[in-house]
């Protein structure tokens, strides 16, 4: 049990680092409205949702992403934690990745 928890913590930490690196080196947009628009138009390479993203927004974005062939990644932390990781002084429920730059975030897509 301990090894699994440690492995999960390591994966979460490396995902956090990949998200931060993507924000620093790539091109991203924040916000539910922009996320819905990018998913609907197929303009994003990846959409990251916080663990506590409102269900209606998450369902809309997931549906549009499925139609457009865009992967969706659910960050297990809250929108406050996601906002902290990306260096924003507010909550971030949806992060649209337009260009990952030199980050490893696309490796987390399965």
Protein backbone atom coordinates (compact mmCIF):
# COMPACT_ATOMS: atom_id res chain seq x y z
CA UNK A 1 0.00 0.00 0.00
CA UNK A 2 2.78 2.42 0.83
CA UNK A 3 4.53 1.94 -2.52
CA UNK A 4 1.32 2.67 -4.42
CA UNK A 5 0.69 5.89 -2.48
CA UNK A 6 4.28 7.00 -3.02
CA UNK A 7 4.00 6.17 -6.72
CA UNK A 8 0.78 8.21 -6.97
CA UNK A 9 2.43 11.15 -5.20
CA UNK A 10 5.40 10.98 -7.57
CA UNK A 11 3.10 10.90 -10.62
CA UNK A 12 1.11 13.83 -9.25
CA UNK A 13 4.27 15.82 -8.61
CA UNK A 14 5.66 15.14 -12.09
CA UNK A 15 2.28 16.09 -13.64
CA UNK A 16 2.38 19.34 -11.68
CA UNK A 17 5.89 20.01 -12.96
CA UNK A 18 4.83 19.24 -16.54
CA UNK A 19 1.85 21.62 -16.25
CA UNK A 20 4.07 24.39 -14.88
CA UNK A 21 6.66 23.81 -17.61
CA UNK A 22 3.92 23.90 -20.24
CA UNK A 23 2.65 27.24 -18.92
CA UNK A 24 6.19 28.68 -18.87
CA UNK A 25 7.45 27.35 -22.22
CA UNK A 26 4.32 26.72 -24.26
CA UNK A 27 1.08 28.48 -25.05
CA UNK A 28 -1.98 27.94 -22.87
CA UNK A 29 -5.31 29.61 -22.16
CA UNK A 30 -7.19 29.63 -18.87
CA UNK A 31 -10.90 29.51 -18.21
CA UNK A 32 -14.01 27.48 -18.86
CA UNK A 33 -15.37 29.68 -21.65
CA UNK A 34 -12.14 29.58 -23.59
CA UNK A 35 -11.82 25.86 -22.91
CA UNK A 36 -15.26 25.16 -24.35
CA UNK A 37 -14.49 27.30 -27.40
CA UNK A 38 -11.10 25.68 -28.06
CA UNK A 39 -12.57 22.19 -27.60
CA UNK A 40 -15.52 22.92 -29.89
CA UNK A 41 -13.30 24.33 -32.63
CA UNK A 42 -10.61 21.67 -32.20
CA UNK A 43 -7.92 24.29 -31.57
CA UNK A 44 -6.38 22.77 -28.42
CA UNK A 45 -3.87 19.91 -28.25
CA UNK A 46 -4.95 19.02 -24.72
CA UNK A 47 -7.45 20.22 -22.14
CA UNK A 48 -6.67 19.91 -18.42
CA UNK A 49 -9.61 19.94 -15.99
CA UNK A 50 -9.26 20.38 -12.25
CA UNK A 51 -10.62 17.63 -10.02
CA UNK A 52 -13.40 19.89 -8.77
CA UNK A 53 -14.36 21.43 -12.11
CA UNK A 54 -18.15 21.95 -12.19
CA UNK A 55 -19.84 18.87 -13.68
CA UNK A 56 -21.75 20.73 -16.39
CA UNK A 57 -18.59 22.42 -17.66
CA UNK A 58 -16.59 19.19 -17.48
CA UNK A 59 -19.29 17.31 -19.42
CA UNK A 60 -19.50 20.02 -22.11
CA UNK A 61 -15.74 20.18 -22.57
CA UNK A 62 -15.34 16.40 -22.51
CA UNK A 63 -18.06 15.99 -25.14
CA UNK A 64 -16.59 18.64 -27.44
CA UNK A 65 -13.09 17.22 -26.97
CA UNK A 66 -14.33 13.74 -27.86
CA UNK A 67 -15.92 15.06 -31.05
CA UNK A 68 -12.75 16.97 -31.95
CA UNK A 69 -10.32 14.21 -30.98
CA UNK A 70 -8.67 16.27 -28.24
CA UNK A 71 -7.43 14.42 -25.15
CA UNK A 72 -8.73 15.48 -21.73
CA UNK A 73 -6.54 15.19 -18.66
CA UNK A 74 -8.10 15.42 -15.19
CA UNK A 75 -5.77 16.97 -12.64
CA UNK A 76 -6.57 15.30 -9.31
CA UNK A 77 -6.10 18.50 -7.31
CA UNK A 78 -8.56 21.33 -6.83
CA UNK A 79 -8.89 24.43 -8.97
CA UNK A 80 -7.07 26.37 -6.24
CA UNK A 81 -4.12 23.96 -6.47
CA UNK A 82 -4.12 24.15 -10.26
CA UNK A 83 -4.15 27.94 -10.07
CA UNK A 84 -1.19 27.85 -7.70
CA UNK A 85 0.77 25.51 -9.98
CA UNK A 86 0.31 27.76 -13.01
CA UNK A 87 1.19 30.86 -10.99
CA UNK A 88 -2.22 32.53 -11.03
CA UNK A 89 -3.67 34.33 -8.00
CA UNK A 90 -7.09 32.74 -8.58
CA UNK A 91 -8.70 29.39 -9.24
CA UNK A 92 -8.19 27.64 -12.59
CA UNK A 93 -10.74 24.94 -13.43
CA UNK A 94 -9.86 24.58 -17.13
CA UNK A 95 -6.49 24.87 -18.85
CA UNK A 96 -6.33 24.62 -22.65
CA UNK A 97 -2.93 23.67 -24.05
CA UNK A 98 -2.42 25.18 -27.50
CA UNK A 99 1.32 24.44 -27.68
CA UNK A 100 3.14 22.31 -25.09
CA UNK A 101 6.53 23.89 -25.78
CA UNK A 102 9.30 21.71 -24.39
CA UNK A 103 7.19 20.27 -21.57
CA UNK A 104 6.43 16.58 -21.09
CA UNK A 105 2.70 17.05 -20.50
CA UNK A 106 1.66 15.03 -23.56
CA UNK A 107 3.27 11.93 -22.01
CA UNK A 108 0.48 11.92 -19.39
CA UNK A 109 -2.20 11.44 -22.04
CA UNK A 110 -3.21 7.81 -22.38
